[in-house]
Amino acid sequence: MILNTDGTKPIYVQIAEWLETEILNGNFEQDQKVHSQYQLAEIFNINPATAAKGLNILVDEKVLYKKRGLGMFVTRDAKEIILTKRKDHILNHLVTDLVVEAERLQVSDEELIQMIHFVSNKTRGKRDEGN
């Protein structure tokens, strides 16, 4: 992952989102230790305090838990917490923006659904080709 240092999203949020994606992709399993703030700082060439802030977001959201002196680990419910958060916040926001823009462009619900199916099938085809 390449951090977007010029964007509006803080680096520590990008770190938290990267770790969430790693958990969703199965790169970190339940009760598995994740990278320390110092490892993250080295990987992304950032300040360890920034990395710690990203980790602490996930602790606050119950995605990670701390074992004193050992590090941070993935909680049992991490995947479900991340999926729920992303569906409720990110996906919901994207769909709302999509529907508003479709109305502005006078795209019918049926046409919009067809467009979604087309893109979904195209994306799945690319994903299948990679396997």
Protein backbone atom coordinates (compact mmCIF):
# COMPACT_ATOMS: atom_id res chain seq x y z
CA MET A 1 0.00 0.00 0.00
CA ILE A 2 1.14 3.50 -0.76
CA LEU A 3 0.05 6.19 1.67
CA ASN A 4 -1.57 9.29 0.23
CA THR A 5 0.26 12.06 2.07
CA ASP A 6 -1.34 14.77 -0.08
CA GLY A 7 -4.94 13.72 0.53
CA THR A 8 -7.47 14.81 3.08
CA LYS A 9 -7.50 11.45 4.89
CA PRO A 10 -5.01 11.42 7.80
CA ILE A 11 -2.16 8.90 7.56
CA TYR A 12 -3.18 7.18 10.81
CA VAL A 13 -6.67 6.55 9.35
CA GLN A 14 -5.06 5.10 6.21
CA ILE A 15 -2.97 2.78 8.44
CA ALA A 16 -6.10 1.62 10.30
CA GLU A 17 -7.92 1.00 7.01
CA TRP A 18 -4.94 -0.92 5.61
CA LEU A 19 -4.91 -3.18 8.66
CA GLU A 20 -8.67 -3.68 8.34
CA THR A 21 -8.22 -4.73 4.72
CA GLU A 22 -5.41 -7.11 5.72
CA ILE A 23 -7.75 -8.69 8.28
CA LEU A 24 -10.59 -8.97 5.73
CA ASN A 25 -8.20 -10.58 3.23
CA GLY A 26 -7.19 -13.18 5.81
CA ASN A 27 -3.62 -11.96 6.19
CA PHE A 28 -4.25 -11.58 9.93
CA GLU A 29 -6.47 -14.15 11.64
CA GLN A 30 -8.25 -14.16 14.99
CA ASP A 31 -5.82 -13.90 17.93
CA GLN A 32 -2.89 -13.33 15.57
CA LYS A 33 -0.41 -10.62 16.43
CA VAL A 34 -0.38 -7.63 14.06
CA HIS A 35 2.54 -5.38 13.19
CA SER A 36 3.79 -3.17 16.02
CA GLN A 37 3.80 0.61 15.73
CA TYR A 38 7.54 0.44 15.06
CA GLN A 39 7.14 -2.18 12.33
CA LEU A 40 4.39 -0.10 10.71
CA ALA A 41 6.56 3.02 10.99
CA GLU A 42 9.35 1.19 9.18
CA ILE A 43 7.06 -0.35 6.53
CA PHE A 44 5.41 2.98 5.66
CA ASN A 45 8.28 5.31 6.58
CA ILE A 46 6.18 7.25 9.08
CA ASN A 47 6.48 8.36 12.68
CA PRO A 48 5.80 5.55 15.20
CA ALA A 49 3.32 7.82 17.01
CA THR A 50 1.28 8.08 13.81
CA ALA A 51 1.29 4.30 13.44
CA ALA A 52 0.27 3.94 17.11
CA LYS A 53 -2.66 6.27 16.52
CA GLY A 54 -3.87 4.03 13.67
CA LEU A 55 -3.55 0.93 15.87
CA ASN A 56 -5.42 2.63 18.71
CA ILE A 57 -8.37 3.42 16.42
CA LEU A 58 -8.75 -0.33 15.89
CA VAL A 59 -8.40 -1.02 19.62
CA ASP A 60 -11.14 1.53 20.32
CA GLU A 61 -13.36 -0.17 17.71
CA LYS A 62 -12.69 -3.62 19.28
CA VAL A 63 -10.94 -4.88 16.12
CA LEU A 64 -7.65 -5.31 18.00
CA TYR A 65 -6.85 -6.00 21.63
CA LYS A 66 -3.67 -5.35 23.60
CA LYS A 67 -1.64 -7.90 25.51
CA ARG A 68 0.61 -5.94 27.79
CA GLY A 69 4.23 -6.41 26.80
CA LEU A 70 3.35 -8.64 23.85
CA GLY A 71 1.64 -6.37 21.33
CA MET A 72 -1.73 -6.10 19.62
CA PHE A 73 -3.83 -8.99 18.39
CA VAL A 74 -6.92 -9.49 16.21
CA THR A 75 -10.18 -9.93 18.15
CA ARG A 76 -12.57 -12.80 17.57
CA ASP A 77 -15.20 -10.48 16.05
CA ALA A 78 -12.79 -8.32 14.01
CA LYS A 79 -14.00 -9.32 10.54
CA GLU A 80 -17.66 -8.85 11.46
CA ILE A 81 -16.96 -5.46 13.05
CA ILE A 82 -15.06 -4.28 9.97
CA LEU A 83 -17.69 -5.59 7.53
CA THR A 84 -20.51 -3.95 9.47
CA LYS A 85 -18.65 -0.65 9.72
CA ARG A 86 -17.75 -0.57 6.04
CA LYS A 87 -21.25 -1.55 4.91
CA ASP A 88 -22.97 0.93 7.22
CA HIS A 89 -20.68 3.87 6.59
CA ILE A 90 -18.66 3.59 3.39
CA LEU A 91 -20.95 1.54 1.16
CA ASN A 92 -24.08 3.33 2.32
CA HIS A 93 -22.45 6.70 1.56
CA LEU A 94 -21.31 5.55 -1.89
CA VAL A 95 -24.75 4.19 -2.77
CA THR A 96 -26.41 7.41 -1.61
CA ASP A 97 -24.07 9.47 -3.80
CA LEU A 98 -24.69 7.10 -6.72
CA VAL A 99 -28.48 7.33 -6.42
CA VAL A 100 -28.41 11.13 -6.11
CA GLU A 101 -26.20 11.44 -9.20
CA ALA A 102 -28.39 8.97 -11.12
CA GLU A 103 -31.45 11.08 -10.33
CA ARG A 104 -29.61 14.20 -11.44
CA LEU A 105 -28.79 12.48 -14.75
CA GLN A 106 -32.33 11.08 -15.04
CA VAL A 107 -31.10 7.48 -14.97
CA SER A 108 -33.91 5.10 -14.07
CA ASP A 109 -33.58 2.58 -11.24
CA GLU A 110 -33.63 -0.25 -13.80
CA GLU A 111 -30.84 1.33 -15.85
CA LEU A 112 -28.79 1.95 -12.71
CA ILE A 113 -29.23 -1.68 -11.61
CA GLN A 114 -28.15 -2.84 -15.08
CA MET A 115 -25.04 -0.66 -14.84
CA ILE A 116 -24.22 -2.13 -11.43
CA HIS A 117 -24.67 -5.69 -12.76
CA PHE A 118 -22.46 -4.91 -15.76
CA VAL A 119 -19.64 -3.50 -13.64
CA SER A 120 -20.01 -6.29 -11.09
CA ASN A 121 -19.76 -8.99 -13.78
CA LYS A 122 -16.81 -7.22 -15.40
CA THR A 123 -15.02 -6.97 -12.04
CA ARG A 124 -15.73 -10.63 -11.21
CA GLY A 125 -14.41 -11.65 -14.63
CA LYS A 126 -11.12 -9.86 -14.00
CA ARG A 127 -10.89 -11.40 -10.54
CA ASP A 128 -11.58 -14.89 -11.96
CA GLU A 129 -8.90 -14.42 -14.64
CA GLY A 130 -6.34 -13.75 -11.89
CA ASN A 131 -7.07 -17.07 -10.13
